[in-house]
Amino acid sequence: MAAPGAVLRYPERDRPGSRLQLLEEKPHAFASGLRASRVPVTGRGGDETLQDLLREKCRQWLIEDRWSLQEVEPNNETAWGFVAVDESGRRIVVGQRRDRIDMISISATVSVGEQHGRRLASMSPAAQARFLADLKLEMLRADYDFSGAELPLSQITIVQTCFFDGLSKDLFMDRVKSVRKGLLLIIVFLQSRLS
């Protein structure tokens, strides 16, 4: 296990000028100059990339915390991803974009039901504006990046990120749990204001 403050430690790191040493000391140089899918991690017995290692760590931590996982097919934007479902059936998405070698995104989306959509549409424009402002303020207070909080309201997505240079199980699972709580925040907000 890596020491606090250092994520990936391998003997090759100590070799002057090694890719791992440079990656740990100057991650911005790698993030701006190399394609994330091509940063090899030597000394692990194979052609693993940094993305492979981060993916495996996140997968392992989620499984240890009793999340069930379903792989998301990589595409032009996504290097890897999981749909993770907790024991209560709440779903989040964990993944990494191809253009962000240093960042893992954890997100969740709440779909607004037809009943709540009709209730919101029946409000006056001023009441709708107040509702959306209150919703946005709640999400900002909880420290979420978000999208979809606009009319017509069909779904709201919240996002938390973590970066590999400080990645630990504690930080990662804290962000996962924060996003899971964010789902509940949005659901309770919609039910209390639109029911």
Foldseek 3Di string as FASTA:
>chain_A
DDDALAFDDDPQLPPPPDLNVCCLVPVVCCLPPHFQVQAADPDPPDGDGLQNVVVVVLVVLLVVQPWDWDWDDADQFWPTKIFTAHPVGATWMWGDTRSGNFKIKIKHKDFDDPQLLVLLVPDDPVVNVVLLVVVVVVCVVLPWDKDQSDPPRTMIMTMDMDTSSRDDSVVVVVRNVSNVVVVVVVVVSSVVPRD
